[in-house]
Amino acid sequence: MNYSDKERAYLNAQCRVEKLRNFYIHLIVFIVVNSVISTVKIIRNMQNGESFQEAFFDWNTFGLWMLWGIGLAIHAFAIFGLAFILGNNWEEQKIKQFMQEEERNNLN
């Protein structure tokens, strides 16, 4: 089946939107689930005699946030790529910068 360029572009855009939507769902689930689990752990630890600070800064409270956060960061990198970290025009800006440096070096 041959697709026209417009159809192919539409299908690619639709796929990207679906991936982005799935990432946002992952982010929302990450925040909600970790918030509930952390709240339950903090309340339980406080009922066992710990102060709020001890319960809040317990490693077990943040362990899930960090481990799942690594997975979320990998998911974000898969969706946004280096543009997420470096910006959209980073590569083009670096090329221009290096070309200008070469021109300056050649003039000297």
PDB file of N, CA and C in Angstrom:
ATOM      1  N   MET A   1       0.845  -1.172   0.000  1.00  0.00           N
ATOM      2  CA  MET A   1       0.000   0.000   0.000  1.00  0.00           C
ATOM      3  C   MET A   1       0.893   1.239   0.000  1.00  0.00           C
ATOM      4  N   ASN A   2       0.732   2.109  -0.981  1.00  0.00           N
ATOM      5  CA  ASN A   2       1.496   3.340  -1.080  1.00  0.00           C
ATOM      6  C   ASN A   2       0.746   4.479  -0.411  1.00  0.00           C
ATOM      7  N   TYR A   3       1.486   5.209   0.400  1.00  0.00           N
ATOM      8  CA  TYR A   3       0.916   6.378   1.050  1.00  0.00           C
ATOM      9  C   TYR A   3       1.487   7.620   0.387  1.00  0.00           C
ATOM     10  N   SER A   4       0.676   8.634   0.268  1.00  0.00           N
ATOM     11  CA  SER A   4       1.188   9.906  -0.226  1.00  0.00           C
ATOM     12  C   SER A   4       2.016  10.548   0.882  1.00  0.00           C
ATOM     13  N   ASP A   5       2.761  11.579   0.510  1.00  0.00           N
ATOM     14  CA  ASP A   5       3.589  12.266   1.499  1.00  0.00           C
ATOM     15  C   ASP A   5       2.743  12.857   2.621  1.00  0.00           C
ATOM     16  N   LYS A   6       1.567  13.382   2.271  1.00  0.00           N
ATOM     17  CA  LYS A   6       0.690  13.956   3.298  1.00  0.00           C
ATOM     18  C   LYS A   6       0.187  12.879   4.252  1.00  0.00           C
ATOM     19  N   GLU A   7      -0.197  11.740   3.708  1.00  0.00           N
ATOM     20  CA  GLU A   7      -0.680  10.644   4.554  1.00  0.00           C
ATOM     21  C   GLU A   7       0.431  10.132   5.455  1.00  0.00           C
ATOM     22  N   ARG A   8       1.630   9.994   4.901  1.00  0.00           N
ATOM     23  CA  ARG A   8       2.767   9.519   5.689  1.00  0.00           C
ATOM     24  C   ARG A   8       3.100  10.511   6.804  1.00  0.00           C
ATOM     25  N   ALA A   9       3.081  11.808   6.469  1.00  0.00           N
ATOM     26  CA  ALA A   9       3.343  12.837   7.476  1.00  0.00           C
ATOM     27  C   ALA A   9       2.281  12.802   8.563  1.00  0.00           C
ATOM     28  N   TYR A  10       1.026  12.612   8.163  1.00  0.00           N
ATOM     29  CA  TYR A  10      -0.059  12.535   9.142  1.00  0.00           C
ATOM     30  C   TYR A  10       0.120  11.328  10.055  1.00  0.00           C
ATOM     31  N   LEU A  11       0.457  10.178   9.487  1.00  0.00           N
ATOM     32  CA  LEU A  11       0.652   8.970  10.297  1.00  0.00           C
ATOM     33  C   LEU A  11       1.830   9.128  11.252  1.00  0.00           C
ATOM     34  N   ASN A  12       2.915   9.761  10.781  1.00  0.00           N
ATOM     35  CA  ASN A  12       4.060  10.012  11.659  1.00  0.00           C
ATOM     36  C   ASN A  12       3.682  10.954  12.796  1.00  0.00           C
ATOM     37  N   ALA A  13       2.947  12.008  12.465  1.00  0.00           N
ATOM     38  CA  ALA A  13       2.517  12.956  13.494  1.00  0.00           C
ATOM     39  C   ALA A  13       1.585  12.284  14.490  1.00  0.00           C
ATOM     40  N   GLN A  14       0.690  11.451  13.996  1.00  0.00           N
ATOM     41  CA  GLN A  14      -0.239  10.731  14.869  1.00  0.00           C
ATOM     42  C   GLN A  14       0.520   9.805  15.815  1.00  0.00           C
ATOM     43  N   CYS A  15       1.541   9.136  15.312  1.00  0.00           N
ATOM     44  CA  CYS A  15       2.360   8.249  16.144  1.00  0.00           C
ATOM     45  C   CYS A  15       3.100   9.044  17.216  1.00  0.00           C
ATOM     46  N   ARG A  16       3.650  10.200  16.842  1.00  0.00           N
ATOM     47  CA  ARG A  16       4.364  11.031  17.815  1.00  0.00           C
ATOM     48  C   ARG A  16       3.428  11.550  18.899  1.00  0.00           C
ATOM     49  N   VAL A  17       2.220  11.935  18.505  1.00  0.00           N
ATOM     50  CA  VAL A  17       1.233  12.419  19.479  1.00  0.00           C
ATOM     51  C   VAL A  17       0.861  11.306  20.446  1.00  0.00           C
ATOM     52  N   GLU A  18       0.698  10.094  19.940  1.00  0.00           N
ATOM     53  CA  GLU A  18       0.363   8.964  20.812  1.00  0.00           C
ATOM     54  C   GLU A  18       1.496   8.681  21.801  1.00  0.00           C
ATOM     55  N   LYS A  19       2.734   8.743  21.335  1.00  0.00           N
ATOM     56  CA  LYS A  19       3.874   8.532  22.232  1.00  0.00           C
ATOM     57  C   LYS A  19       3.939   9.622  23.290  1.00  0.00           C
ATOM     58  N   LEU A  20       3.686  10.859  22.891  1.00  0.00           N
ATOM     59  CA  LEU A  20       3.691  11.968  23.835  1.00  0.00           C
ATOM     60  C   LEU A  20       2.575  11.817  24.858  1.00  0.00           C
ATOM     61  N   ARG A  21       1.393  11.421  24.403  1.00  0.00           N
ATOM     62  CA  ARG A  21       0.270  11.188  25.310  1.00  0.00           C
ATOM     63  C   ARG A  21       0.602  10.104  26.315  1.00  0.00           C
ATOM     64  N   ASN A  22       1.211   9.017  25.856  1.00  0.00           N
ATOM     65  CA  ASN A  22       1.604   7.934  26.758  1.00  0.00           C
ATOM     66  C   ASN A  22       2.634   8.401  27.779  1.00  0.00           C
ATOM     67  N   PHE A  23       3.541   9.285  27.361  1.00  0.00           N
ATOM     68  CA  PHE A  23       4.514   9.819  28.311  1.00  0.00           C
ATOM     69  C   PHE A  23       3.818  10.641  29.389  1.00  0.00           C
ATOM     70  N   TYR A  24       2.874  11.495  29.002  1.00  0.00           N
ATOM     71  CA  TYR A  24       2.163  12.312  29.987  1.00  0.00           C
ATOM     72  C   TYR A  24       1.338  11.447  30.937  1.00  0.00           C
ATOM     73  N   ILE A  25       0.759  10.384  30.432  1.00  0.00           N
ATOM     74  CA  ILE A  25       0.043   9.451  31.306  1.00  0.00           C
ATOM     75  C   ILE A  25       1.015   8.823  32.293  1.00  0.00           C
ATOM     76  N   HIS A  26       2.191   8.415  31.810  1.00  0.00           N
ATOM     77  CA  HIS A  26       3.221   7.839  32.674  1.00  0.00           C
ATOM     78  C   HIS A  26       3.616   8.840  33.760  1.00  0.00           C
ATOM     79  N   LEU A  27       3.784  10.105  33.388  1.00  0.00           N
ATOM     80  CA  LEU A  27       4.156  11.144  34.347  1.00  0.00           C
ATOM     81  C   LEU A  27       3.077  11.333  35.414  1.00  0.00           C
ATOM     82  N   ILE A  28       1.819  11.366  35.007  1.00  0.00           N
ATOM     83  CA  ILE A  28       0.718  11.538  35.962  1.00  0.00           C
ATOM     84  C   ILE A  28       0.634  10.349  36.910  1.00  0.00           C
ATOM     85  N   VAL A  29       0.746   9.140  36.373  1.00  0.00           N
ATOM     86  CA  VAL A  29       0.708   7.938  37.215  1.00  0.00           C
ATOM     87  C   VAL A  29       1.882   7.953  38.187  1.00  0.00           C
ATOM     88  N   PHE A  30       3.061   8.343  37.712  1.00  0.00           N
ATOM     89  CA  PHE A  30       4.255   8.451  38.556  1.00  0.00           C
ATOM     90  C   PHE A  30       3.993   9.365  39.752  1.00  0.00           C
ATOM     91  N   ILE A  31       3.455  10.535  39.494  1.00  0.00           N
ATOM     92  CA  ILE A  31       3.215  11.510  40.564  1.00  0.00           C
ATOM     93  C   ILE A  31       2.139  11.020  41.527  1.00  0.00           C
ATOM     94  N   VAL A  32       1.029  10.541  41.011  1.00  0.00           N
ATOM     95  CA  VAL A  32      -0.086  10.121  41.869  1.00  0.00           C
ATOM     96  C   VAL A  32       0.300   8.916  42.717  1.00  0.00           C
ATOM     97  N   VAL A  33       0.819   7.873  42.090  1.00  0.00           N
ATOM     98  CA  VAL A  33       1.146   6.642  42.823  1.00  0.00           C
ATOM     99  C   VAL A  33       2.228   6.898  43.857  1.00  0.00           C
ATOM    100  N   ASN A  34       3.285   7.614  43.481  1.00  0.00           N
ATOM    101  CA  ASN A  34       4.352   7.875  44.438  1.00  0.00           C
ATOM    102  C   ASN A  34       3.898   8.779  45.575  1.00  0.00           C
ATOM    103  N   SER A  35       3.028   9.730  45.279  1.00  0.00           N
ATOM    104  CA  SER A  35       2.503  10.597  46.343  1.00  0.00           C
ATOM    105  C   SER A  35       1.688   9.795  47.347  1.00  0.00           C
ATOM    106  N   VAL A  36       0.834   8.917  46.857  1.00  0.00           N
ATOM    107  CA  VAL A  36       0.011   8.095  47.752  1.00  0.00           C
ATOM    108  C   VAL A  36       0.900   7.175  48.584  1.00  0.00           C
ATOM    109  N   ILE A  37       1.828   6.486  47.939  1.00  0.00           N
ATOM    110  CA  ILE A  37       2.702   5.557  48.668  1.00  0.00           C
ATOM    111  C   ILE A  37       3.543   6.304  49.693  1.00  0.00           C
ATOM    112  N   SER A  38       4.089   7.466  49.319  1.00  0.00           N
ATOM    113  CA  SER A  38       4.904   8.241  50.256  1.00  0.00           C
ATOM    114  C   SER A  38       4.082   8.732  51.436  1.00  0.00           C
ATOM    115  N   THR A  39       2.864   9.187  51.173  1.00  0.00           N
ATOM    116  CA  THR A  39       1.997   9.655  52.255  1.00  0.00           C
ATOM    117  C   THR A  39       1.683   8.527  53.224  1.00  0.00           C
ATOM    118  N   VAL A  40       1.362   7.359  52.697  1.00  0.00           N
ATOM    119  CA  VAL A  40       1.066   6.204  53.554  1.00  0.00           C
ATOM    120  C   VAL A  40       2.293   5.838  54.384  1.00  0.00           C
ATOM    121  N   LYS A  41       3.472   5.827  53.763  1.00  0.00           N
ATOM    122  CA  LYS A  41       4.696   5.484  54.497  1.00  0.00           C
ATOM    123  C   LYS A  41       4.997   6.503  55.590  1.00  0.00           C
ATOM    124  N   ILE A  42       4.828   7.778  55.283  1.00  0.00           N
ATOM    125  CA  ILE A  42       5.106   8.812  56.277  1.00  0.00           C
ATOM    126  C   ILE A  42       4.138   8.691  57.448  1.00  0.00           C
ATOM    127  N   ILE A  43       2.859   8.516  57.170  1.00  0.00           N
ATOM    128  CA  ILE A  43       1.869   8.368  58.247  1.00  0.00           C
ATOM    129  C   ILE A  43       2.168   7.135  59.087  1.00  0.00           C
ATOM    130  N   ARG A  44       2.477   6.023  58.427  1.00  0.00           N
ATOM    131  CA  ARG A  44       2.785   4.786  59.149  1.00  0.00           C
ATOM    132  C   ARG A  44       4.030   4.957  60.028  1.00  0.00           C
ATOM    133  N   ASN A  45       5.064   5.588  59.491  1.00  0.00           N
ATOM    134  CA  ASN A  45       6.281   5.798  60.278  1.00  0.00           C
ATOM    135  C   ASN A  45       6.029   6.729  61.460  1.00  0.00           C
ATOM    136  N   MET A  46       5.187   7.739  61.264  1.00  0.00           N
ATOM    137  CA  MET A  46       4.878   8.637  62.373  1.00  0.00           C
ATOM    138  C   MET A  46       4.066   7.917  63.441  1.00  0.00           C
ATOM    139  N   GLN A  47       3.202   6.995  63.045  1.00  0.00           N
ATOM    140  CA  GLN A  47       2.445   6.212  64.021  1.00  0.00           C
ATOM    141  C   GLN A  47       3.358   5.262  64.789  1.00  0.00           C
ATOM    142  N   ASN A  48       4.488   4.914  64.196  1.00  0.00           N
ATOM    143  CA  ASN A  48       5.462   4.047  64.873  1.00  0.00           C
ATOM    144  C   ASN A  48       6.444   4.839  65.719  1.00  0.00           C
ATOM    145  N   GLY A  49       6.200   6.131  65.918  1.00  0.00           N
ATOM    146  CA  GLY A  49       6.988   6.912  66.852  1.00  0.00           C
ATOM    147  C   GLY A  49       8.024   7.828  66.230  1.00  0.00           C
ATOM    148  N   GLU A  50       8.153   7.863  64.927  1.00  0.00           N
ATOM    149  CA  GLU A  50       9.128   8.753  64.306  1.00  0.00           C
ATOM    150  C   GLU A  50       8.548  10.156  64.201  1.00  0.00           C
ATOM    151  N   SER A  51       9.450  11.157  64.189  1.00  0.00           N
ATOM    152  CA  SER A  51       8.996  12.527  63.954  1.00  0.00           C
ATOM    153  C   SER A  51       8.699  12.691  62.461  1.00  0.00           C
ATOM    154  N   PHE A  52       8.073  13.800  62.126  1.00  0.00           N
ATOM    155  CA  PHE A  52       7.751  14.037  60.715  1.00  0.00           C
ATOM    156  C   PHE A  52       9.020  14.087  59.869  1.00  0.00           C
ATOM    157  N   GLN A  53      10.055  14.771  60.382  1.00  0.00           N
ATOM    158  CA  GLN A  53      11.307  14.872  59.633  1.00  0.00           C
ATOM    159  C   GLN A  53      11.936  13.498  59.417  1.00  0.00           C
ATOM    160  N   GLU A  54      11.947  12.675  60.451  1.00  0.00           N
ATOM    161  CA  GLU A  54      12.513  11.328  60.312  1.00  0.00           C
ATOM    162  C   GLU A  54      11.709  10.506  59.308  1.00  0.00           C
ATOM    163  N   ALA A  55      10.404  10.609  59.384  1.00  0.00           N
ATOM    164  CA  ALA A  55       9.553   9.843  58.470  1.00  0.00           C
ATOM    165  C   ALA A  55       9.670  10.360  57.036  1.00  0.00           C
ATOM    166  N   PHE A  56       9.748  11.677  56.892  1.00  0.00           N
ATOM    167  CA  PHE A  56       9.794  12.275  55.559  1.00  0.00           C
ATOM    168  C   PHE A  56      11.117  11.998  54.860  1.00  0.00           C
ATOM    169  N   PHE A  57      12.222  12.102  55.594  1.00  0.00           N
ATOM    170  CA  PHE A  57      13.543  11.941  54.985  1.00  0.00           C
ATOM    171  C   PHE A  57      14.062  10.513  55.055  1.00  0.00           C
ATOM    172  N   ASP A  58      13.199   9.563  55.305  1.00  0.00           N
ATOM    173  CA  ASP A  58      13.575   8.152  55.310  1.00  0.00           C
ATOM    174  C   ASP A  58      13.890   7.709  53.884  1.00  0.00           C
ATOM    175  N   TRP A  59      14.980   6.958  53.707  1.00  0.00           N
ATOM    176  CA  TRP A  59      15.388   6.480  52.386  1.00  0.00           C
ATOM    177  C   TRP A  59      14.265   5.698  51.706  1.00  0.00           C
ATOM    178  N   ASN A  60      13.556   4.898  52.462  1.00  0.00           N
ATOM    179  CA  ASN A  60      12.489   4.079  51.881  1.00  0.00           C
ATOM    180  C   ASN A  60      11.359   4.923  51.293  1.00  0.00           C
ATOM    181  N   THR A  61      11.214   6.139  51.801  1.00  0.00           N
ATOM    182  CA  THR A  61      10.184   7.020  51.271  1.00  0.00           C
ATOM    183  C   THR A  61      10.553   7.505  49.872  1.00  0.00           C
ATOM    184  N   PHE A  62      11.841   7.761  49.648  1.00  0.00           N
ATOM    185  CA  PHE A  62      12.274   8.313  48.365  1.00  0.00           C
ATOM    186  C   PHE A  62      12.832   7.278  47.401  1.00  0.00           C
ATOM    187  N   GLY A  63      13.050   6.061  47.849  1.00  0.00           N
ATOM    188  CA  GLY A  63      13.622   5.035  46.984  1.00  0.00           C
ATOM    189  C   GLY A  63      12.808   4.789  45.729  1.00  0.00           C
ATOM    190  N   LEU A  64      11.496   4.656  45.893  1.00  0.00           N
ATOM    191  CA  LEU A  64      10.632   4.412  44.742  1.00  0.00           C
ATOM    192  C   LEU A  64      10.616   5.607  43.801  1.00  0.00           C
ATOM    193  N   TRP A  65      10.602   6.829  44.370  1.00  0.00           N
ATOM    194  CA  TRP A  65      10.638   8.035  43.540  1.00  0.00           C
ATOM    195  C   TRP A  65      11.881   8.021  42.651  1.00  0.00           C
ATOM    196  N   MET A  66      13.017   7.700  43.248  1.00  0.00           N
ATOM    197  CA  MET A  66      14.269   7.745  42.494  1.00  0.00           C
ATOM    198  C   MET A  66      14.346   6.647  41.444  1.00  0.00           C
ATOM    199  N   LEU A  67      14.008   5.436  41.822  1.00  0.00           N
ATOM    200  CA  LEU A  67      14.110   4.329  40.870  1.00  0.00           C
ATOM    201  C   LEU A  67      13.115   4.496  39.723  1.00  0.00           C
ATOM    202  N   TRP A  68      11.888   4.805  40.050  1.00  0.00           N
ATOM    203  CA  TRP A  68      10.887   5.010  39.008  1.00  0.00           C
ATOM    204  C   TRP A  68      11.227   6.266  38.203  1.00  0.00           C
ATOM    205  N   GLY A  69      11.803   7.256  38.882  1.00  0.00           N
ATOM    206  CA  GLY A  69      12.213   8.485  38.203  1.00  0.00           C
ATOM    207  C   GLY A  69      13.257   8.235  37.129  1.00  0.00           C
ATOM    208  N   ILE A  70      14.147   7.281  37.371  1.00  0.00           N
ATOM    209  CA  ILE A  70      15.130   6.912  36.352  1.00  0.00           C
ATOM    210  C   ILE A  70      14.411   6.357  35.124  1.00  0.00           C
ATOM    211  N   GLY A  71      13.447   5.487  35.359  1.00  0.00           N
ATOM    212  CA  GLY A  71      12.658   4.955  34.247  1.00  0.00           C
ATOM    213  C   GLY A  71      11.899   6.045  33.513  1.00  0.00           C
ATOM    214  N   LEU A  72      11.356   6.997  34.254  1.00  0.00           N
ATOM    215  CA  LEU A  72      10.633   8.110  33.640  1.00  0.00           C
ATOM    216  C   LEU A  72      11.586   8.982  32.822  1.00  0.00           C
ATOM    217  N   ALA A  73      12.794   9.201  33.334  1.00  0.00           N
ATOM    218  CA  ALA A  73      13.788   9.986  32.594  1.00  0.00           C
ATOM    219  C   ALA A  73      14.171   9.293  31.286  1.00  0.00           C
ATOM    220  N   ILE A  74      14.312   7.979  31.331  1.00  0.00           N
ATOM    221  CA  ILE A  74      14.613   7.220  30.109  1.00  0.00           C
ATOM    222  C   ILE A  74      13.458   7.344  29.123  1.00  0.00           C
ATOM    223  N   HIS A  75      12.236   7.265  29.619  1.00  0.00           N
ATOM    224  CA  HIS A  75      11.057   7.424  28.760  1.00  0.00           C
ATOM    225  C   HIS A  75      11.051   8.823  28.136  1.00  0.00           C
ATOM    226  N   ALA A  76      11.354   9.849  28.938  1.00  0.00           N
ATOM    227  CA  ALA A  76      11.394  11.224  28.422  1.00  0.00           C
ATOM    228  C   ALA A  76      12.470  11.362  27.353  1.00  0.00           C
ATOM    229  N   PHE A  77      13.631  10.765  27.594  1.00  0.00           N
ATOM    230  CA  PHE A  77      14.718  10.833  26.616  1.00  0.00           C
ATOM    231  C   PHE A  77      14.315  10.143  25.317  1.00  0.00           C
ATOM    232  N   ALA A  78      13.597   9.036  25.422  1.00  0.00           N
ATOM    233  CA  ALA A  78      13.144   8.320  24.224  1.00  0.00           C
ATOM    234  C   ALA A  78      12.144   9.161  23.429  1.00  0.00           C
ATOM    235  N   ILE A  79      11.351   9.970  24.107  1.00  0.00           N
ATOM    236  CA  ILE A  79      10.349  10.792  23.432  1.00  0.00           C
ATOM    237  C   ILE A  79      10.952  12.087  22.902  1.00  0.00           C
ATOM    238  N   PHE A  80      11.697  12.800  23.758  1.00  0.00           N
ATOM    239  CA  PHE A  80      12.182  14.129  23.405  1.00  0.00           C
ATOM    240  C   PHE A  80      13.607  14.132  22.868  1.00  0.00           C
ATOM    241  N   GLY A  81      14.386  13.105  23.151  1.00  0.00           N
ATOM    242  CA  GLY A  81      15.767  13.033  22.688  1.00  0.00           C
ATOM    243  C   GLY A  81      16.631  14.096  23.332  1.00  0.00           C
ATOM    244  N   LEU A  82      17.717  14.430  22.662  1.00  0.00           N
ATOM    245  CA  LEU A  82      18.640  15.425  23.195  1.00  0.00           C
ATOM    246  C   LEU A  82      18.038  16.819  23.224  1.00  0.00           C
ATOM    247  N   ALA A  83      17.016  17.062  22.421  1.00  0.00           N
ATOM    248  CA  ALA A  83      16.382  18.379  22.421  1.00  0.00           C
ATOM    249  C   ALA A  83      15.813  18.704  23.796  1.00  0.00           C
ATOM    250  N   PHE A  84      15.416  17.693  24.535  1.00  0.00           N
ATOM    251  CA  PHE A  84      14.882  17.877  25.886  1.00  0.00           C
ATOM    252  C   PHE A  84      15.944  18.468  26.811  1.00  0.00           C
ATOM    253  N   ILE A  85      17.191  18.053  26.618  1.00  0.00           N
ATOM    254  CA  ILE A  85      18.286  18.489  27.480  1.00  0.00           C
ATOM    255  C   ILE A  85      19.004  19.699  26.893  1.00  0.00           C
ATOM    256  N   LEU A  86      19.319  19.638  25.606  1.00  0.00           N
ATOM    257  CA  LEU A  86      20.164  20.646  24.989  1.00  0.00           C
ATOM    258  C   LEU A  86      19.399  21.756  24.280  1.00  0.00           C
ATOM    259  N   GLY A  87      18.145  21.577  24.036  1.00  0.00           N
ATOM    260  CA  GLY A  87      17.358  22.550  23.296  1.00  0.00           C
ATOM    261  C   GLY A  87      17.228  22.136  21.843  1.00  0.00           C
ATOM    262  N   ASN A  88      16.251  22.702  21.166  1.00  0.00           N
ATOM    263  CA  ASN A  88      15.952  22.293  19.796  1.00  0.00           C
ATOM    264  C   ASN A  88      17.038  22.666  18.804  1.00  0.00           C
ATOM    265  N   ASN A  89      17.646  23.822  18.958  1.00  0.00           N
ATOM    266  CA  ASN A  89      18.601  24.311  17.968  1.00  0.00           C
ATOM    267  C   ASN A  89      20.046  24.138  18.403  1.00  0.00           C
ATOM    268  N   TRP A  90      20.305  23.295  19.372  1.00  0.00           N
ATOM    269  CA  TRP A  90      21.643  23.157  19.918  1.00  0.00           C
ATOM    270  C   TRP A  90      22.651  22.785  18.851  1.00  0.00           C
ATOM    271  N   GLU A  91      22.336  21.797  18.026  1.00  0.00           N
ATOM    272  CA  GLU A  91      23.280  21.328  17.015  1.00  0.00           C
ATOM    273  C   GLU A  91      23.585  22.437  16.007  1.00  0.00           C
ATOM    274  N   GLU A  92      22.567  23.110  15.555  1.00  0.00           N
ATOM    275  CA  GLU A  92      22.766  24.198  14.590  1.00  0.00           C
ATOM    276  C   GLU A  92      23.577  25.334  15.202  1.00  0.00           C
ATOM    277  N   GLN A  93      23.318  25.671  16.460  1.00  0.00           N
ATOM    278  CA  GLN A  93      24.066  26.726  17.133  1.00  0.00           C
ATOM    279  C   GLN A  93      25.534  26.359  17.276  1.00  0.00           C
ATOM    280  N   LYS A  94      25.820  25.097  17.600  1.00  0.00           N
ATOM    281  CA  LYS A  94      27.207  24.650  17.734  1.00  0.00           C
ATOM    282  C   LYS A  94      27.929  24.697  16.389  1.00  0.00           C
ATOM    283  N   ILE A  95      27.250  24.307  15.325  1.00  0.00           N
ATOM    284  CA  ILE A  95      27.859  24.360  13.994  1.00  0.00           C
ATOM    285  C   ILE A  95      28.234  25.799  13.654  1.00  0.00           C
ATOM    286  N   LYS A  96      27.320  26.735  13.891  1.00  0.00           N
ATOM    287  CA  LYS A  96      27.603  28.146  13.620  1.00  0.00           C
ATOM    288  C   LYS A  96      28.762  28.643  14.476  1.00  0.00           C
ATOM    289  N   GLN A  97      28.776  28.250  15.759  1.00  0.00           N
ATOM    290  CA  GLN A  97      29.844  28.673  16.658  1.00  0.00           C
ATOM    291  C   GLN A  97      31.196  28.174  16.161  1.00  0.00           C
ATOM    292  N   PHE A  98      31.286  26.909  15.790  1.00  0.00           N
ATOM    293  CA  PHE A  98      32.549  26.344  15.330  1.00  0.00           C
ATOM    294  C   PHE A  98      32.981  26.959  13.998  1.00  0.00           C
ATOM    295  N   MET A  99      32.025  27.268  13.133  1.00  0.00           N
ATOM    296  CA  MET A  99      32.364  27.916  11.863  1.00  0.00           C
ATOM    297  C   MET A  99      32.917  29.319  12.107  1.00  0.00           C
ATOM    298  N   GLN A 100      32.312  30.051  13.049  1.00  0.00           N
ATOM    299  CA  GLN A 100      32.806  31.385  13.373  1.00  0.00           C
ATOM    300  C   GLN A 100      34.198  31.317  13.985  1.00  0.00           C
ATOM    301  N   GLU A 101      34.449  30.327  14.829  1.00  0.00           N
ATOM    302  CA  GLU A 101      35.779  30.160  15.416  1.00  0.00           C
ATOM    303  C   GLU A 101      36.810  29.850  14.340  1.00  0.00           C
ATOM    304  N   GLU A 102      36.440  29.017  13.378  1.00  0.00           N
ATOM    305  CA  GLU A 102      37.343  28.691  12.271  1.00  0.00           C
ATOM    306  C   GLU A 102      37.660  29.938  11.451  1.00  0.00           C
ATOM    307  N   GLU A 103      36.642  30.755  11.193  1.00  0.00           N
ATOM    308  CA  GLU A 103      36.862  31.984  10.433  1.00  0.00           C
ATOM    309  C   GLU A 103      37.805  32.915  11.175  1.00  0.00           C
ATOM    310  N   ARG A 104      37.612  33.054  12.485  1.00  0.00           N
ATOM    311  CA  ARG A 104      38.497  33.911  13.283  1.00  0.00           C
ATOM    312  C   ARG A 104      39.919  33.380  13.287  1.00  0.00           C
ATOM    313  N   ASN A 105      40.072  32.066  13.395  1.00  0.00           N
ATOM    314  CA  ASN A 105      41.405  31.464  13.401  1.00  0.00           C
ATOM    315  C   ASN A 105      42.091  31.629  12.050  1.00  0.00           C
ATOM    316  N   ASN A 106      41.341  31.573  10.970  1.00  0.00           N
ATOM    317  CA  ASN A 106      41.922  31.730   9.636  1.00  0.00           C
ATOM    318  C   ASN A 106      42.327  33.167   9.360  1.00  0.00           C
ATOM    319  N   LEU A 107      41.646  34.125   9.991  1.00  0.00           N
ATOM    320  CA  LEU A 107      41.996  35.530   9.814  1.00  0.00           C
ATOM    321  C   LEU A 107      43.273  35.884  10.558  1.00  0.00           C
ATOM    322  N   ASN A 108      43.588  35.170  11.611  1.00  0.00           N
ATOM    323  CA  ASN A 108      44.786  35.477  12.422  1.00  0.00           C
ATOM    324  C   ASN A 108      45.987  34.872  11.847  1.00  0.00           C
TER     325      ASN A 108
END
